[in-house]
PDB file of N, CA and C in Angstrom:
ATOM      1  N   UNK A   1       5.386  -5.138  -3.326  1.00  0.00           N
ATOM      2  CA  UNK A   1       3.865  -5.565  -3.089  1.00  0.00           C
ATOM      3  C   UNK A   1       3.206  -5.447  -4.467  1.00  0.00           C
ATOM      4  N   UNK A   2       2.292  -6.592  -4.426  1.00  0.00           N
ATOM      5  CA  UNK A   2       1.365  -6.571  -5.437  1.00  0.00           C
ATOM      6  C   UNK A   2       0.128  -5.798  -5.283  1.00  0.00           C
ATOM      7  N   UNK A   3       0.034  -5.015  -6.395  1.00  0.00           N
ATOM      8  CA  UNK A   3      -1.211  -4.000  -6.271  1.00  0.00           C
ATOM      9  C   UNK A   3      -1.941  -4.141  -7.635  1.00  0.00           C
ATOM     10  N   UNK A   4      -3.126  -4.188  -7.466  1.00  0.00           N
ATOM     11  CA  UNK A   4      -4.230  -4.251  -8.691  1.00  0.00           C
ATOM     12  C   UNK A   4      -4.730  -2.697  -8.923  1.00  0.00           C
ATOM     13  N   UNK A   5      -4.586  -2.240  -9.907  1.00  0.00           N
ATOM     14  CA  UNK A   5      -5.104  -0.927 -10.112  1.00  0.00           C
ATOM     15  C   UNK A   5      -6.621  -0.875  -9.936  1.00  0.00           C
ATOM     16  N   UNK A   6      -7.228   0.432  -9.624  1.00  0.00           N
ATOM     17  CA  UNK A   6      -8.514   0.905  -9.411  1.00  0.00           C
ATOM     18  C   UNK A   6      -9.530   0.408 -10.370  1.00  0.00           C
ATOM     19  N   UNK A   7      -8.956   0.274 -11.950  1.00  0.00           N
ATOM     20  CA  UNK A   7     -10.239  -0.310 -12.790  1.00  0.00           C
ATOM     21  C   UNK A   7      -9.720  -1.691 -13.007  1.00  0.00           C
ATOM     22  N   UNK A   8      -9.185  -2.180 -12.150  1.00  0.00           N
ATOM     23  CA  UNK A   8      -8.587  -3.887 -12.335  1.00  0.00           C
ATOM     24  C   UNK A   8      -7.982  -4.214 -13.428  1.00  0.00           C
ATOM     25  N   UNK A   9      -7.374  -3.393 -14.314  1.00  0.00           N
ATOM     26  CA  UNK A   9      -6.825  -3.685 -15.567  1.00  0.00           C
ATOM     27  C   UNK A   9      -5.246  -3.946 -15.178  1.00  0.00           C
ATOM     28  N   UNK A  10      -4.620  -3.520 -14.340  1.00  0.00           N
ATOM     29  CA  UNK A  10      -3.279  -3.792 -14.067  1.00  0.00           C
ATOM     30  C   UNK A  10      -3.122  -4.417 -12.750  1.00  0.00           C
ATOM     31  N   UNK A  11      -2.230  -5.464 -12.711  1.00  0.00           N
ATOM     32  CA  UNK A  11      -1.860  -5.820 -11.564  1.00  0.00           C
ATOM     33  C   UNK A  11      -0.319  -6.039 -11.518  1.00  0.00           C
ATOM     34  N   UNK A  12       0.539  -5.458 -10.611  1.00  0.00           N
ATOM     35  CA  UNK A  12       1.597  -5.157 -10.844  1.00  0.00           C
ATOM     36  C   UNK A  12       2.428  -5.355  -9.393  1.00  0.00           C
ATOM     37  N   UNK A  13       3.599  -5.851  -9.392  1.00  0.00           N
ATOM     38  CA  UNK A  13       4.546  -5.769  -8.226  1.00  0.00           C
ATOM     39  C   UNK A  13       5.200  -4.427  -8.090  1.00  0.00           C
ATOM     40  N   UNK A  14       4.773  -3.684  -7.239  1.00  0.00           N
ATOM     41  CA  UNK A  14       5.366  -2.526  -7.223  1.00  0.00           C
ATOM     42  C   UNK A  14       6.337  -2.078  -6.143  1.00  0.00           C
ATOM     43  N   UNK A  15       7.280  -1.254  -6.116  1.00  0.00           N
ATOM     44  CA  UNK A  15       8.434  -1.199  -5.090  1.00  0.00           C
ATOM     45  C   UNK A  15       8.130   0.494  -4.837  1.00  0.00           C
ATOM     46  N   UNK A  16       7.876   1.266  -5.633  1.00  0.00           N
ATOM     47  CA  UNK A  16       7.647   2.874  -5.310  1.00  0.00           C
ATOM     48  C   UNK A  16       6.431   3.153  -5.632  1.00  0.00           C
ATOM     49  N   UNK A  17       5.641   3.853  -4.742  1.00  0.00           N
ATOM     50  CA  UNK A  17       4.223   4.488  -4.948  1.00  0.00           C
ATOM     51  C   UNK A  17       4.455   6.333  -4.595  1.00  0.00           C
ATOM     52  N   UNK A  18       3.794   6.759  -5.375  1.00  0.00           N
ATOM     53  CA  UNK A  18       3.683   8.283  -5.185  1.00  0.00           C
ATOM     54  C   UNK A  18       2.413   8.722  -5.666  1.00  0.00           C
ATOM     55  N   UNK A  19       2.031  10.025  -5.158  1.00  0.00           N
ATOM     56  CA  UNK A  19       0.906  10.886  -5.343  1.00  0.00           C
ATOM     57  C   UNK A  19       1.214  11.918  -6.333  1.00  0.00           C
ATOM     58  N   UNK A  20       0.492  12.028  -7.179  1.00  0.00           N
ATOM     59  CA  UNK A  20       0.735  13.158  -8.135  1.00  0.00           C
ATOM     60  C   UNK A  20      -0.503  13.955  -8.474  1.00  0.00           C
ATOM     61  N   UNK A  21      -0.447  15.217  -8.322  1.00  0.00           N
ATOM     62  CA  UNK A  21      -1.386  16.089  -8.578  1.00  0.00           C
ATOM     63  C   UNK A  21      -0.990  16.857  -9.906  1.00  0.00           C
ATOM     64  N   UNK A  22      -1.414  16.608 -10.985  1.00  0.00           N
ATOM     65  CA  UNK A  22      -1.192  17.125 -12.491  1.00  0.00           C
ATOM     66  C   UNK A  22      -1.703  18.750 -12.441  1.00  0.00           C
ATOM     67  N   UNK A  23      -1.014  19.562 -12.756  1.00  0.00           N
ATOM     68  CA  UNK A  23      -1.134  20.966 -12.780  1.00  0.00           C
ATOM     69  C   UNK A  23      -2.373  21.158 -13.721  1.00  0.00           C
ATOM     70  N   UNK A  24      -3.310  21.864 -13.215  1.00  0.00           N
ATOM     71  CA  UNK A  24      -4.553  22.254 -13.410  1.00  0.00           C
ATOM     72  C   UNK A  24      -5.691  21.115 -13.401  1.00  0.00           C
ATOM     73  N   UNK A  25      -5.477  19.949 -12.974  1.00  0.00           N
ATOM     74  CA  UNK A  25      -6.230  18.738 -12.881  1.00  0.00           C
ATOM     75  C   UNK A  25      -7.060  18.930 -11.651  1.00  0.00           C
ATOM     76  N   UNK A  26      -8.152  18.390 -11.403  1.00  0.00           N
ATOM     77  CA  UNK A  26      -9.001  18.549 -10.146  1.00  0.00           C
ATOM     78  C   UNK A  26      -8.859  17.055  -9.397  1.00  0.00           C
ATOM     79  N   UNK A  27      -8.045  16.106  -9.966  1.00  0.00           N
ATOM     80  CA  UNK A  27      -7.895  14.993  -9.382  1.00  0.00           C
ATOM     81  C   UNK A  27      -6.732  14.893  -9.080  1.00  0.00           C
ATOM     82  N   UNK A  28      -6.400  13.669  -7.874  1.00  0.00           N
ATOM     83  CA  UNK A  28      -5.109  13.375  -7.580  1.00  0.00           C
ATOM     84  C   UNK A  28      -4.882  11.867  -8.196  1.00  0.00           C
ATOM     85  N   UNK A  29      -3.581  11.525  -8.619  1.00  0.00           N
ATOM     86  CA  UNK A  29      -3.471   9.944  -9.311  1.00  0.00           C
ATOM     87  C   UNK A  29      -2.231   9.410  -8.482  1.00  0.00           C
ATOM     88  N   UNK A  30      -2.449   8.071  -8.174  1.00  0.00           N
ATOM     89  CA  UNK A  30      -1.475   7.576  -7.257  1.00  0.00           C
ATOM     90  C   UNK A  30      -0.908   6.590  -8.479  1.00  0.00           C
ATOM     91  N   UNK A  31       0.521   6.670  -8.414  1.00  0.00           N
ATOM     92  CA  UNK A  31       1.300   6.045  -9.648  1.00  0.00           C
ATOM     93  C   UNK A  31       1.988   5.068  -8.484  1.00  0.00           C
ATOM     94  N   UNK A  32       2.226   3.693  -9.376  1.00  0.00           N
ATOM     95  CA  UNK A  32       3.348   2.754  -8.748  1.00  0.00           C
ATOM     96  C   UNK A  32       4.305   2.255  -9.667  1.00  0.00           C
ATOM     97  N   UNK A  33       5.449   2.529  -9.525  1.00  0.00           N
ATOM     98  CA  UNK A  33       6.370   2.484 -10.294  1.00  0.00           C
ATOM     99  C   UNK A  33       6.253   3.106 -11.539  1.00  0.00           C
ATOM    100  N   UNK A  34       5.704   4.234 -11.577  1.00  0.00           N
ATOM    101  CA  UNK A  34       5.296   4.807 -13.024  1.00  0.00           C
ATOM    102  C   UNK A  34       4.193   4.434 -13.551  1.00  0.00           C
ATOM    103  N   UNK A  35       3.467   3.465 -13.061  1.00  0.00           N
ATOM    104  CA  UNK A  35       2.160   3.046 -13.522  1.00  0.00           C
ATOM    105  C   UNK A  35       1.100   3.620 -12.989  1.00  0.00           C
ATOM    106  N   UNK A  36      -0.071   3.815 -13.619  1.00  0.00           N
ATOM    107  CA  UNK A  36      -1.444   4.641 -13.188  1.00  0.00           C
ATOM    108  C   UNK A  36      -2.032   3.621 -12.112  1.00  0.00           C
ATOM    109  N   UNK A  37      -2.268   3.735 -11.006  1.00  0.00           N
ATOM    110  CA  UNK A  37      -3.142   2.721 -10.335  1.00  0.00           C
ATOM    111  C   UNK A  37      -4.294   3.400  -9.777  1.00  0.00           C
ATOM    112  N   UNK A  38      -4.517   4.336  -9.492  1.00  0.00           N
ATOM    113  CA  UNK A  38      -5.939   4.945  -9.127  1.00  0.00           C
ATOM    114  C   UNK A  38      -6.057   6.451  -9.182  1.00  0.00           C
ATOM    115  N   UNK A  39      -7.266   7.104  -9.265  1.00  0.00           N
ATOM    116  CA  UNK A  39      -7.502   8.252  -9.197  1.00  0.00           C
ATOM    117  C   UNK A  39      -8.518   8.703  -8.392  1.00  0.00           C
ATOM    118  N   UNK A  40      -8.211   9.882  -7.540  1.00  0.00           N
ATOM    119  CA  UNK A  40      -9.042  10.246  -6.261  1.00  0.00           C
ATOM    120  C   UNK A  40      -9.465  11.760  -6.592  1.00  0.00           C
ATOM    121  N   UNK A  41     -10.383  11.889  -5.906  1.00  0.00           N
ATOM    122  CA  UNK A  41     -11.048  13.265  -6.095  1.00  0.00           C
ATOM    123  C   UNK A  41     -10.287  14.251  -5.172  1.00  0.00           C
ATOM    124  N   UNK A  42      -9.566  13.908  -4.186  1.00  0.00           N
ATOM    125  CA  UNK A  42      -8.744  14.894  -3.227  1.00  0.00           C
ATOM    126  C   UNK A  42      -7.397  14.347  -2.864  1.00  0.00           C
ATOM    127  N   UNK A  43      -6.596  15.305  -2.541  1.00  0.00           N
ATOM    128  CA  UNK A  43      -5.118  14.759  -2.204  1.00  0.00           C
ATOM    129  C   UNK A  43      -5.329  13.975  -0.778  1.00  0.00           C
ATOM    130  N   UNK A  44      -6.258  14.484   0.035  1.00  0.00           N
ATOM    131  CA  UNK A  44      -6.549  13.683   1.235  1.00  0.00           C
ATOM    132  C   UNK A  44      -7.052  12.367   1.244  1.00  0.00           C
ATOM    133  N   UNK A  45      -7.829  12.030   0.147  1.00  0.00           N
ATOM    134  CA  UNK A  45      -8.430  10.726   0.065  1.00  0.00           C
ATOM    135  C   UNK A  45      -7.155   9.962  -0.501  1.00  0.00           C
ATOM    136  N   UNK A  46      -6.143  10.563  -1.398  1.00  0.00           N
ATOM    137  CA  UNK A  46      -5.083   9.783  -2.072  1.00  0.00           C
ATOM    138  C   UNK A  46      -4.054   9.343  -0.858  1.00  0.00           C
ATOM    139  N   UNK A  47      -3.948  10.504   0.083  1.00  0.00           N
ATOM    140  CA  UNK A  47      -3.271  10.100   1.207  1.00  0.00           C
ATOM    141  C   UNK A  47      -3.797   8.867   2.163  1.00  0.00           C
ATOM    142  N   UNK A  48      -4.841   8.843   2.248  1.00  0.00           N
ATOM    143  CA  UNK A  48      -5.619   7.706   3.235  1.00  0.00           C
ATOM    144  C   UNK A  48      -5.495   6.558   2.360  1.00  0.00           C
ATOM    145  N   UNK A  49      -5.551   6.504   1.128  1.00  0.00           N
ATOM    146  CA  UNK A  49      -5.032   5.088   0.346  1.00  0.00           C
ATOM    147  C   UNK A  49      -3.592   4.710   0.719  1.00  0.00           C
ATOM    148  N   UNK A  50      -2.786   5.923   0.600  1.00  0.00           N
ATOM    149  CA  UNK A  50      -1.398   5.504   0.939  1.00  0.00           C
ATOM    150  C   UNK A  50      -1.074   5.074   2.335  1.00  0.00           C
ATOM    151  N   UNK A  51      -1.900   5.711   3.071  1.00  0.00           N
ATOM    152  CA  UNK A  51      -1.615   5.135   4.568  1.00  0.00           C
ATOM    153  C   UNK A  51      -1.998   3.819   4.645  1.00  0.00           C
ATOM    154  N   UNK A  52      -3.215   3.277   4.043  1.00  0.00           N
ATOM    155  CA  UNK A  52      -3.540   1.912   3.910  1.00  0.00           C
ATOM    156  C   UNK A  52      -2.728   0.891   3.227  1.00  0.00           C
ATOM    157  N   UNK A  53      -2.079   1.516   2.394  1.00  0.00           N
ATOM    158  CA  UNK A  53      -1.180   0.360   1.658  1.00  0.00           C
ATOM    159  C   UNK A  53       0.137   0.489   2.401  1.00  0.00           C
ATOM    160  N   UNK A  54       0.683   1.298   3.284  1.00  0.00           N
ATOM    161  CA  UNK A  54       1.827   1.325   4.111  1.00  0.00           C
ATOM    162  C   UNK A  54       1.559   0.118   5.364  1.00  0.00           C
ATOM    163  N   UNK A  55       0.366   0.337   5.539  1.00  0.00           N
ATOM    164  CA  UNK A  55      -0.120  -0.778   6.835  1.00  0.00           C
ATOM    165  C   UNK A  55      -0.283  -1.933   6.238  1.00  0.00           C
ATOM    166  N   UNK A  56      -0.575  -2.144   5.029  1.00  0.00           N
ATOM    167  CA  UNK A  56      -0.736  -3.558   4.513  1.00  0.00           C
ATOM    168  C   UNK A  56       0.909  -4.170   4.068  1.00  0.00           C
ATOM    169  N   UNK A  57       1.834  -3.226   3.904  1.00  0.00           N
ATOM    170  CA  UNK A  57       2.969  -3.708   3.164  1.00  0.00           C
ATOM    171  C   UNK A  57       3.500  -4.831   4.010  1.00  0.00           C
ATOM    172  N   UNK A  58       3.595  -4.631   5.522  1.00  0.00           N
ATOM    173  CA  UNK A  58       4.279  -5.598   6.206  1.00  0.00           C
ATOM    174  C   UNK A  58       3.760  -5.440   7.665  1.00  0.00           C
ATOM    175  N   UNK A  59       3.315  -6.521   8.146  1.00  0.00           N
ATOM    176  CA  UNK A  59       3.247  -6.628   9.530  1.00  0.00           C
ATOM    177  C   UNK A  59       4.228  -7.656  10.227  1.00  0.00           C
ATOM    178  N   UNK A  60       5.006  -7.199  11.035  1.00  0.00           N
ATOM    179  CA  UNK A  60       6.296  -8.098  11.761  1.00  0.00           C
ATOM    180  C   UNK A  60       5.816  -8.240  13.226  1.00  0.00           C
ATOM    181  N   UNK A  61       6.223  -9.521  13.296  1.00  0.00           N
ATOM    182  CA  UNK A  61       5.705 -10.067  14.832  1.00  0.00           C
ATOM    183  C   UNK A  61       7.213 -10.563  15.313  1.00  0.00           C
ATOM    184  N   UNK A  62       7.470 -10.436  16.645  1.00  0.00           N
ATOM    185  CA  UNK A  62       8.578 -10.945  17.275  1.00  0.00           C
ATOM    186  C   UNK A  62       8.143 -11.959  18.359  1.00  0.00           C
ATOM    187  N   UNK A  63       8.939 -12.884  18.288  1.00  0.00           N
ATOM    188  CA  UNK A  63       8.987 -14.020  19.027  1.00  0.00           C
ATOM    189  C   UNK A  63      10.024 -14.131  19.777  1.00  0.00           C
ATOM    190  N   UNK A  64      10.215 -14.519  21.233  1.00  0.00           N
ATOM    191  CA  UNK A  64      11.131 -14.484  21.994  1.00  0.00           C
ATOM    192  C   UNK A  64      11.118 -15.865  22.790  1.00  0.00           C
ATOM    193  N   UNK A  65      12.120 -16.586  22.728  1.00  0.00           N
ATOM    194  CA  UNK A  65      12.127 -17.887  23.563  1.00  0.00           C
ATOM    195  C   UNK A  65      13.361 -17.892  24.207  1.00  0.00           C
ATOM    196  N   UNK A  66      13.579 -18.685  25.455  1.00  0.00           N
ATOM    197  CA  UNK A  66      14.740 -18.687  26.229  1.00  0.00           C
ATOM    198  C   UNK A  66      15.013 -20.227  26.298  1.00  0.00           C
ATOM    199  N   UNK A  67      16.277 -20.508  25.957  1.00  0.00           N
ATOM    200  CA  UNK A  67      16.675 -21.955  26.351  1.00  0.00           C
ATOM    201  C   UNK A  67      17.598 -22.130  27.284  1.00  0.00           C
ATOM    202  N   UNK A  68      18.328 -23.107  27.788  1.00  0.00           N
ATOM    203  CA  UNK A  68      19.153 -23.403  28.913  1.00  0.00           C
ATOM    204  C   UNK A  68      20.468 -22.663  28.405  1.00  0.00           C
ATOM    205  N   UNK A  69      20.451 -22.721  27.150  1.00  0.00           N
ATOM    206  CA  UNK A  69      22.108 -22.196  26.522  1.00  0.00           C
ATOM    207  C   UNK A  69      22.146 -21.052  25.901  1.00  0.00           C
ATOM    208  N   UNK A  70      20.869 -20.587  25.406  1.00  0.00           N
ATOM    209  CA  UNK A  70      20.985 -19.361  24.589  1.00  0.00           C
ATOM    210  C   UNK A  70      19.706 -18.552  24.481  1.00  0.00           C
ATOM    211  N   UNK A  71      19.563 -17.457  24.098  1.00  0.00           N
ATOM    212  CA  UNK A  71      18.379 -16.909  23.815  1.00  0.00           C
ATOM    213  C   UNK A  71      18.071 -16.611  22.435  1.00  0.00           C
ATOM    214  N   UNK A  72      16.746 -17.116  22.016  1.00  0.00           N
ATOM    215  CA  UNK A  72      16.739 -16.862  20.468  1.00  0.00           C
ATOM    216  C   UNK A  72      15.470 -16.145  20.127  1.00  0.00           C
ATOM    217  N   UNK A  73      15.676 -15.254  19.254  1.00  0.00           N
ATOM    218  CA  UNK A  73      14.653 -14.318  18.671  1.00  0.00           C
ATOM    219  C   UNK A  73      14.238 -14.686  17.194  1.00  0.00           C
ATOM    220  N   UNK A  74      13.079 -14.838  17.105  1.00  0.00           N
ATOM    221  CA  UNK A  74      12.507 -15.256  15.608  1.00  0.00           C
ATOM    222  C   UNK A  74      11.511 -13.924  15.070  1.00  0.00           C
ATOM    223  N   UNK A  75      11.890 -13.709  13.810  1.00  0.00           N
ATOM    224  CA  UNK A  75      11.077 -12.586  13.363  1.00  0.00           C
ATOM    225  C   UNK A  75      10.177 -13.447  11.942  1.00  0.00           C
ATOM    226  N   UNK A  76       9.102 -13.143  12.176  1.00  0.00           N
ATOM    227  CA  UNK A  76       8.157 -13.505  10.886  1.00  0.00           C
ATOM    228  C   UNK A  76       7.475 -12.426  10.294  1.00  0.00           C
ATOM    229  N   UNK A  77       7.420 -12.572   9.025  1.00  0.00           N
ATOM    230  CA  UNK A  77       6.554 -11.175   8.232  1.00  0.00           C
ATOM    231  C   UNK A  77       5.316 -12.092   7.676  1.00  0.00           C
ATOM    232  N   UNK A  78       4.386 -11.201   7.832  1.00  0.00           N
ATOM    233  CA  UNK A  78       2.924 -11.466   7.126  1.00  0.00           C
ATOM    234  C   UNK A  78       2.830 -10.687   5.994  1.00  0.00           C
ATOM    235  N   UNK A  79       2.672 -11.095   4.732  1.00  0.00           N
ATOM    236  CA  UNK A  79       2.426 -10.025   3.570  1.00  0.00           C
ATOM    237  C   UNK A  79       1.266 -10.141   3.165  1.00  0.00           C
ATOM    238  N   UNK A  80       0.166  -9.201   2.820  1.00  0.00           N
ATOM    239  CA  UNK A  80      -0.844  -9.337   2.058  1.00  0.00           C
ATOM    240  C   UNK A  80      -0.583  -9.672   0.720  1.00  0.00           C
ATOM    241  N   UNK A  81      -1.203 -10.488   0.353  1.00  0.00           N
ATOM    242  CA  UNK A  81      -0.744 -10.847  -1.146  1.00  0.00           C
ATOM    243  C   UNK A  81      -1.238  -9.891  -2.405  1.00  0.00           C
ATOM    244  N   UNK A  82      -2.242  -9.166  -2.478  1.00  0.00           N
ATOM    245  CA  UNK A  82      -2.618  -8.193  -3.290  1.00  0.00           C
ATOM    246  C   UNK A  82      -3.445  -7.141  -2.570  1.00  0.00           C
ATOM    247  N   UNK A  83      -3.133  -5.980  -2.887  1.00  0.00           N
ATOM    248  CA  UNK A  83      -3.781  -4.789  -2.501  1.00  0.00           C
ATOM    249  C   UNK A  83      -4.737  -4.542  -3.421  1.00  0.00           C
ATOM    250  N   UNK A  84      -5.957  -4.223  -3.332  1.00  0.00           N
ATOM    251  CA  UNK A  84      -6.869  -3.411  -4.619  1.00  0.00           C
ATOM    252  C   UNK A  84      -7.116  -2.408  -4.211  1.00  0.00           C
ATOM    253  N   UNK A  85      -6.815  -1.414  -5.103  1.00  0.00           N
ATOM    254  CA  UNK A  85      -6.922   0.196  -4.978  1.00  0.00           C
ATOM    255  C   UNK A  85      -8.439   0.198  -4.878  1.00  0.00           C
ATOM    256  N   UNK A  86      -8.868   0.935  -3.866  1.00  0.00           N
ATOM    257  CA  UNK A  86     -10.491   1.328  -3.552  1.00  0.00           C
ATOM    258  C   UNK A  86     -10.918   2.219  -4.757  1.00  0.00           C
ATOM    259  N   UNK A  87     -12.080   2.329  -4.930  1.00  0.00           N
ATOM    260  CA  UNK A  87     -12.744   3.399  -5.835  1.00  0.00           C
ATOM    261  C   UNK A  87     -12.743   4.577  -4.766  1.00  0.00           C
ATOM    262  N   UNK A  88     -12.768   5.812  -5.435  1.00  0.00           N
ATOM    263  CA  UNK A  88     -13.123   7.081  -4.891  1.00  0.00           C
ATOM    264  C   UNK A  88     -14.031   7.112  -3.987  1.00  0.00           C
ATOM    265  N   UNK A  89     -15.153   6.604  -4.176  1.00  0.00           N
ATOM    266  CA  UNK A  89     -16.396   7.002  -3.412  1.00  0.00           C
ATOM    267  C   UNK A  89     -16.260   5.972  -1.968  1.00  0.00           C
ATOM    268  N   UNK A  90     -15.469   4.980  -2.032  1.00  0.00           N
ATOM    269  CA  UNK A  90     -15.173   4.289  -1.082  1.00  0.00           C
ATOM    270  C   UNK A  90     -14.164   4.589   0.177  1.00  0.00           C
ATOM    271  N   UNK A  91     -13.391   5.674  -0.112  1.00  0.00           N
ATOM    272  CA  UNK A  91     -12.573   6.283   0.497  1.00  0.00           C
ATOM    273  C   UNK A  91     -13.139   7.484   1.572  1.00  0.00           C
ATOM    274  N   UNK A  92     -12.978   7.265   2.882  1.00  0.00           N
ATOM    275  CA  UNK A  92     -13.528   8.411   3.637  1.00  0.00           C
ATOM    276  C   UNK A  92     -12.412   8.881   4.414  1.00  0.00           C
ATOM    277  N   UNK A  93     -12.431  10.156   4.272  1.00  0.00           N
ATOM    278  CA  UNK A  93     -11.411  11.140   5.192  1.00  0.00           C
ATOM    279  C   UNK A  93     -12.094  11.597   6.214  1.00  0.00           C
TER     280      UNK A  93
END
C-alpha cells in the first residue's frame, strides 16, 4: 500500500507497518518497512491510525452469477491509491 508520511516528505509502497514506542520518549511512532511515517502523542492514537490503514488496505466485493451450465463467482478488489498519515491533532480516540 502506498503511504505518504505525516510530514509529506516520504511516499513509500509499504508492506509492513508497526507501532514503536521508544524507551523514555513521550510519543509513539508508526514505521512502515522501517521508514518513519508519523508521530502520535499516545499509543491509542497510533492504534486508531493503524485501524484506519487496515480498513483502507483492501475492500473486497463478491459477485455471484448463475448461468445455465455453471455457477460463477467474481472477486474484485478496490485499492485506495495513497494513504495520507494524519496529523496528531486530527486523530480522535
